[in-house]
Amino acid sequence: MYNIWLKGEKIIIPHRITRDDNWKSKIFSETYYKIMNNLTEVKFPKGGADLFLIDREIIDILNKRIHPRNTSTVAEILRLGFNPYHFGYKRPLGINQKSRWTLKRN
């Protein structure tokens, strides 16, 4: 991501092409991103996105425009109107072999 940023991209968002989670986690994740894409003006990439690399300019804009409580930072970045650079990756299962995603957290 750093090398992409060095080439001038201000927002770099990797998205999952595949994931090694169990079927239940996959279904909940797919459902969550479908709902988000249908109910908001933000369009998450297929597979969803949880991390990003952003330029200082974007950080300054976010600090002025959003309140950090009860928001998705990725959604706020996508909402800014910039053209983010997306690239896909295969998401391996974590070290503990279990997804940490829960309905209670979201």
N, C-alpha and C. Protein backbone atom coordinates (compact mmCIF):
# COMPACT_ATOMS: atom_id res chain seq x y z
N MET A 1 0.83 -1.18 0.00
CA MET A 1 0.00 0.00 0.00
C MET A 1 0.88 1.25 0.00
N TYR A 2 1.96 1.18 0.71
CA TYR A 2 2.87 2.33 0.78
C TYR A 2 3.40 2.70 -0.60
N ASN A 3 3.79 1.71 -1.38
CA ASN A 3 4.30 1.97 -2.72
C ASN A 3 3.23 2.61 -3.62
N ILE A 4 2.00 2.20 -3.46
CA ILE A 4 0.90 2.79 -4.22
C ILE A 4 0.72 4.25 -3.80
N TRP A 5 0.81 4.52 -2.50
CA TRP A 5 0.71 5.89 -2.00
C TRP A 5 1.84 6.75 -2.55
N LEU A 6 3.06 6.19 -2.63
CA LEU A 6 4.20 6.94 -3.17
C LEU A 6 3.96 7.36 -4.63
N LYS A 7 3.14 6.60 -5.33
CA LYS A 7 2.84 6.92 -6.73
C LYS A 7 1.77 8.01 -6.86
N GLY A 8 1.24 8.50 -5.73
CA GLY A 8 0.32 9.62 -5.78
C GLY A 8 -1.11 9.35 -5.38
N GLU A 9 -1.46 8.11 -5.09
CA GLU A 9 -2.84 7.81 -4.66
C GLU A 9 -3.04 8.34 -3.24
N LYS A 10 -4.18 8.99 -3.00
CA LYS A 10 -4.46 9.56 -1.68
C LYS A 10 -5.22 8.61 -0.76
N ILE A 11 -5.98 7.68 -1.37
CA ILE A 11 -6.76 6.71 -0.58
C ILE A 11 -6.52 5.33 -1.19
N ILE A 12 -6.02 4.41 -0.38
CA ILE A 12 -5.79 3.04 -0.82
C ILE A 12 -6.62 2.13 0.07
N ILE A 13 -7.52 1.37 -0.55
CA ILE A 13 -8.41 0.49 0.21
C ILE A 13 -8.30 -0.94 -0.34
N PRO A 14 -7.67 -1.83 0.42
CA PRO A 14 -7.68 -3.23 0.00
C PRO A 14 -9.04 -3.85 0.32
N HIS A 15 -9.49 -4.76 -0.52
CA HIS A 15 -10.75 -5.45 -0.25
C HIS A 15 -10.55 -6.95 -0.43
N ARG A 16 -11.36 -7.70 0.28
CA ARG A 16 -11.22 -9.15 0.29
C ARG A 16 -11.78 -9.77 -0.99
N ILE A 17 -10.95 -10.56 -1.66
CA ILE A 17 -11.42 -11.34 -2.81
C ILE A 17 -11.98 -12.66 -2.31
N THR A 18 -11.27 -13.27 -1.40
CA THR A 18 -11.72 -14.51 -0.76
C THR A 18 -11.44 -14.41 0.73
N ARG A 19 -12.09 -15.27 1.48
CA ARG A 19 -11.87 -15.31 2.93
C ARG A 19 -11.95 -16.74 3.41
N ASP A 20 -11.15 -17.07 4.41
CA ASP A 20 -11.10 -18.44 4.94
C ASP A 20 -11.98 -18.63 6.17
N ASP A 21 -12.96 -17.78 6.37
CA ASP A 21 -13.85 -17.90 7.52
C ASP A 21 -14.85 -19.04 7.31
N ASN A 22 -15.52 -19.41 8.40
CA ASN A 22 -16.56 -20.43 8.28
C ASN A 22 -17.77 -19.85 7.55
N TRP A 23 -18.69 -20.71 7.15
CA TRP A 23 -19.82 -20.29 6.32
C TRP A 23 -20.69 -19.25 7.02
N LYS A 24 -20.84 -19.38 8.34
CA LYS A 24 -21.69 -18.44 9.08
C LYS A 24 -21.10 -17.02 9.04
N SER A 25 -19.82 -16.91 9.26
CA SER A 25 -19.16 -15.61 9.20
C SER A 25 -19.24 -15.01 7.81
N LYS A 26 -19.07 -15.85 6.80
CA LYS A 26 -19.16 -15.36 5.42
C LYS A 26 -20.54 -14.80 5.12
N ILE A 27 -21.58 -15.51 5.54
CA ILE A 27 -22.95 -15.07 5.28
C ILE A 27 -23.23 -13.74 5.99
N PHE A 28 -22.85 -13.64 7.27
CA PHE A 28 -23.09 -12.40 8.00
C PHE A 28 -22.33 -11.23 7.37
N SER A 29 -21.09 -11.48 6.96
CA SER A 29 -20.30 -10.42 6.34
C SER A 29 -20.92 -9.97 5.02
N GLU A 30 -21.27 -10.92 4.17
CA GLU A 30 -21.89 -10.58 2.88
C GLU A 30 -23.19 -9.81 3.09
N THR A 31 -23.99 -10.24 4.05
CA THR A 31 -25.26 -9.59 4.34
C THR A 31 -25.03 -8.16 4.84
N TYR A 32 -24.07 -7.99 5.73
CA TYR A 32 -23.77 -6.66 6.26
C TYR A 32 -23.40 -5.70 5.13
N TYR A 33 -22.49 -6.09 4.24
CA TYR A 33 -22.06 -5.19 3.18
C TYR A 33 -23.16 -4.96 2.13
N LYS A 34 -24.02 -5.94 1.89
CA LYS A 34 -25.16 -5.72 0.99
C LYS A 34 -26.12 -4.69 1.58
N ILE A 35 -26.39 -4.81 2.87
CA ILE A 35 -27.28 -3.85 3.53
C ILE A 35 -26.66 -2.45 3.48
N MET A 36 -25.38 -2.36 3.81
CA MET A 36 -24.71 -1.05 3.78
C MET A 36 -24.76 -0.45 2.37
N ASN A 37 -24.51 -1.25 1.35
CA ASN A 37 -24.52 -0.74 -0.02
C ASN A 37 -25.92 -0.32 -0.47
N ASN A 38 -26.95 -0.98 0.05
CA ASN A 38 -28.32 -0.66 -0.35
C ASN A 38 -28.93 0.50 0.44
N LEU A 39 -28.50 0.70 1.67
CA LEU A 39 -29.12 1.71 2.51
C LEU A 39 -28.36 3.04 2.58
N THR A 40 -27.14 3.07 2.07
CA THR A 40 -26.35 4.30 2.14
C THR A 40 -25.85 4.68 0.75
N GLU A 41 -25.35 5.91 0.64
CA GLU A 41 -24.77 6.34 -0.63
C GLU A 41 -23.36 5.77 -0.81
N VAL A 42 -22.81 5.21 0.23
CA VAL A 42 -21.48 4.61 0.18
C VAL A 42 -21.56 3.24 -0.48
N LYS A 43 -20.61 2.95 -1.35
CA LYS A 43 -20.56 1.64 -1.99
C LYS A 43 -19.25 0.96 -1.61
N PHE A 44 -19.37 -0.01 -0.71
CA PHE A 44 -18.21 -0.79 -0.31
C PHE A 44 -17.83 -1.72 -1.46
N PRO A 45 -16.54 -2.02 -1.61
CA PRO A 45 -16.14 -2.98 -2.64
C PRO A 45 -16.66 -4.37 -2.29
N LYS A 46 -16.81 -5.20 -3.31
CA LYS A 46 -17.25 -6.58 -3.09
C LYS A 46 -16.28 -7.26 -2.13
N GLY A 47 -16.81 -7.92 -1.12
CA GLY A 47 -15.98 -8.55 -0.12
C GLY A 47 -15.75 -7.69 1.11
N GLY A 48 -16.07 -6.42 0.99
CA GLY A 48 -15.93 -5.51 2.12
C GLY A 48 -14.51 -5.01 2.32
N ALA A 49 -14.37 -4.04 3.18
CA ALA A 49 -13.07 -3.44 3.46
C ALA A 49 -13.03 -2.99 4.91
N ASP A 50 -11.93 -3.29 5.57
CA ASP A 50 -11.79 -2.92 6.97
C ASP A 50 -10.55 -2.07 7.24
N LEU A 51 -9.67 -1.96 6.27
CA LEU A 51 -8.47 -1.19 6.50
C LEU A 51 -8.18 -0.30 5.31
N PHE A 52 -7.25 0.61 5.48
CA PHE A 52 -6.97 1.59 4.44
C PHE A 52 -5.65 2.28 4.75
N LEU A 53 -5.13 2.95 3.76
CA LEU A 53 -4.00 3.87 3.94
C LEU A 53 -4.44 5.17 3.29
N ILE A 54 -4.34 6.26 4.04
CA ILE A 54 -4.79 7.55 3.51
C ILE A 54 -3.70 8.60 3.67
N ASP A 55 -3.73 9.56 2.78
CA ASP A 55 -2.80 10.67 2.74
C ASP A 55 -3.11 11.67 3.86
N ARG A 56 -2.15 12.45 4.25
CA ARG A 56 -2.34 13.47 5.29
C ARG A 56 -3.50 14.41 4.96
N GLU A 57 -3.65 14.74 3.69
CA GLU A 57 -4.75 15.61 3.27
C GLU A 57 -6.10 15.00 3.65
N ILE A 58 -6.25 13.72 3.45
CA ILE A 58 -7.50 13.02 3.77
C ILE A 58 -7.71 12.97 5.28
N ILE A 59 -6.65 12.74 6.02
CA ILE A 59 -6.74 12.73 7.49
C ILE A 59 -7.26 14.07 7.98
N ASP A 60 -6.72 15.16 7.45
CA ASP A 60 -7.15 16.49 7.87
C ASP A 60 -8.63 16.73 7.54
N ILE A 61 -9.06 16.30 6.37
CA ILE A 61 -10.46 16.44 5.99
C ILE A 61 -11.36 15.64 6.94
N LEU A 62 -10.98 14.40 7.22
CA LEU A 62 -11.77 13.56 8.14
C LEU A 62 -11.86 14.20 9.52
N ASN A 63 -10.75 14.71 10.01
CA ASN A 63 -10.74 15.33 11.34
C ASN A 63 -11.68 16.52 11.43
N LYS A 64 -11.90 17.22 10.34
CA LYS A 64 -12.79 18.37 10.33
C LYS A 64 -14.24 17.99 10.11
N ARG A 65 -14.49 16.88 9.41
CA ARG A 65 -15.86 16.59 8.95
C ARG A 65 -16.60 15.52 9.73
N ILE A 66 -15.92 14.64 10.42
CA ILE A 66 -16.66 13.55 11.07
C ILE A 66 -16.44 13.53 12.57
N HIS A 67 -17.39 12.96 13.24
CA HIS A 67 -17.27 12.71 14.66
C HIS A 67 -16.86 11.25 14.81
N PRO A 68 -15.82 10.96 15.59
CA PRO A 68 -15.28 9.60 15.63
C PRO A 68 -16.15 8.56 16.33
N ARG A 69 -17.22 8.94 16.96
CA ARG A 69 -18.06 7.96 17.65
C ARG A 69 -19.14 7.40 16.74
N ASN A 70 -19.37 6.11 16.86
CA ASN A 70 -20.46 5.43 16.17
C ASN A 70 -20.45 5.64 14.66
N THR A 71 -19.30 5.52 14.06
CA THR A 71 -19.21 5.65 12.61
C THR A 71 -18.20 4.63 12.08
N SER A 72 -18.31 4.34 10.83
CA SER A 72 -17.35 3.48 10.15
C SER A 72 -16.37 4.39 9.42
N THR A 73 -15.12 4.33 9.79
CA THR A 73 -14.13 5.20 9.17
C THR A 73 -14.01 4.92 7.68
N VAL A 74 -14.08 3.64 7.29
CA VAL A 74 -14.01 3.30 5.87
C VAL A 74 -15.19 3.93 5.13
N ALA A 75 -16.38 3.87 5.70
CA ALA A 75 -17.55 4.49 5.07
C ALA A 75 -17.36 5.99 4.94
N GLU A 76 -16.83 6.63 5.96
CA GLU A 76 -16.60 8.07 5.91
C GLU A 76 -15.58 8.43 4.84
N ILE A 77 -14.54 7.61 4.68
CA ILE A 77 -13.53 7.85 3.64
C ILE A 77 -14.17 7.71 2.26
N LEU A 78 -14.97 6.67 2.07
CA LEU A 78 -15.62 6.46 0.78
C LEU A 78 -16.61 7.58 0.47
N ARG A 79 -17.20 8.16 1.48
CA ARG A 79 -18.19 9.22 1.31
C ARG A 79 -17.58 10.56 0.90
N LEU A 80 -16.29 10.73 1.05
CA LEU A 80 -15.64 12.02 0.78
C LEU A 80 -15.69 12.44 -0.69
N GLY A 81 -15.86 11.49 -1.59
CA GLY A 81 -15.96 11.85 -3.00
C GLY A 81 -14.67 11.68 -3.79
N PHE A 82 -13.61 11.26 -3.13
CA PHE A 82 -12.37 10.98 -3.85
C PHE A 82 -12.51 9.65 -4.57
N ASN A 83 -11.61 9.38 -5.49
CA ASN A 83 -11.61 8.11 -6.21
C ASN A 83 -10.56 7.20 -5.58
N PRO A 84 -10.97 6.32 -4.65
CA PRO A 84 -9.98 5.50 -3.96
C PRO A 84 -9.38 4.43 -4.88
N TYR A 85 -8.17 4.05 -4.58
CA TYR A 85 -7.50 2.96 -5.29
C TYR A 85 -7.84 1.68 -4.55
N HIS A 86 -8.49 0.75 -5.23
CA HIS A 86 -8.87 -0.54 -4.63
C HIS A 86 -7.97 -1.65 -5.17
N PHE A 87 -7.63 -2.58 -4.32
CA PHE A 87 -6.98 -3.79 -4.80
C PHE A 87 -7.42 -4.96 -3.94
N GLY A 88 -7.52 -6.12 -4.56
CA GLY A 88 -8.01 -7.30 -3.88
C GLY A 88 -6.91 -8.10 -3.22
N TYR A 89 -7.29 -8.79 -2.15
CA TYR A 89 -6.36 -9.70 -1.47
C TYR A 89 -7.13 -10.87 -0.90
N LYS A 90 -6.42 -11.95 -0.65
CA LYS A 90 -7.02 -13.13 -0.02
C LYS A 90 -6.85 -12.98 1.48
N ARG A 91 -7.96 -13.02 2.20
CA ARG A 91 -7.91 -12.87 3.65
C ARG A 91 -7.78 -14.24 4.31
N PRO A 92 -6.62 -14.50 4.91
CA PRO A 92 -6.47 -15.77 5.63
C PRO A 92 -7.18 -15.71 6.98
N LEU A 93 -7.48 -16.86 7.52
CA LEU A 93 -8.06 -16.93 8.85
C LEU A 93 -7.01 -16.50 9.86
N GLY A 94 -7.41 -15.78 10.88
CA GLY A 94 -6.48 -15.27 11.87
C GLY A 94 -5.78 -16.37 12.66
N ILE A 95 -4.84 -15.97 13.47
CA ILE A 95 -4.04 -16.90 14.26
C ILE A 95 -4.91 -17.77 15.15
N ASN A 96 -5.96 -17.19 15.73
CA ASN A 96 -6.81 -17.97 16.63
C ASN A 96 -7.81 -18.85 15.88
N GLN A 97 -7.76 -18.84 14.53
CA GLN A 97 -8.61 -19.67 13.69
C GLN A 97 -10.11 -19.41 13.86
N LYS A 98 -10.47 -18.24 14.34
CA LYS A 98 -11.88 -17.90 14.53
C LYS A 98 -12.07 -16.42 14.24
N SER A 99 -13.14 -16.10 13.52
CA SER A 99 -13.45 -14.71 13.23
C SER A 99 -13.81 -13.97 14.52
N ARG A 100 -13.42 -12.71 14.63
CA ARG A 100 -13.78 -11.90 15.80
C ARG A 100 -15.00 -11.05 15.53
N TRP A 101 -15.60 -11.15 14.35
CA TRP A 101 -16.78 -10.39 13.99
C TRP A 101 -17.98 -10.95 14.72
N THR A 102 -18.79 -10.08 15.33
CA THR A 102 -20.01 -10.51 16.01
C THR A 102 -21.13 -9.54 15.73
N LEU A 103 -22.36 -9.99 15.84
CA LEU A 103 -23.51 -9.11 15.70
C LEU A 103 -23.53 -8.06 16.80
N LYS A 104 -23.09 -8.43 17.98
CA LYS A 104 -23.10 -7.53 19.11
C LYS A 104 -22.19 -6.32 18.87
N ARG A 105 -21.06 -6.52 18.21
CA ARG A 105 -20.12 -5.44 17.94
C ARG A 105 -20.63 -4.48 16.87
N ASN A 106 -21.45 -4.94 15.96
CA ASN A 106 -21.87 -4.11 14.82
C ASN A 106 -23.27 -3.69 14.95
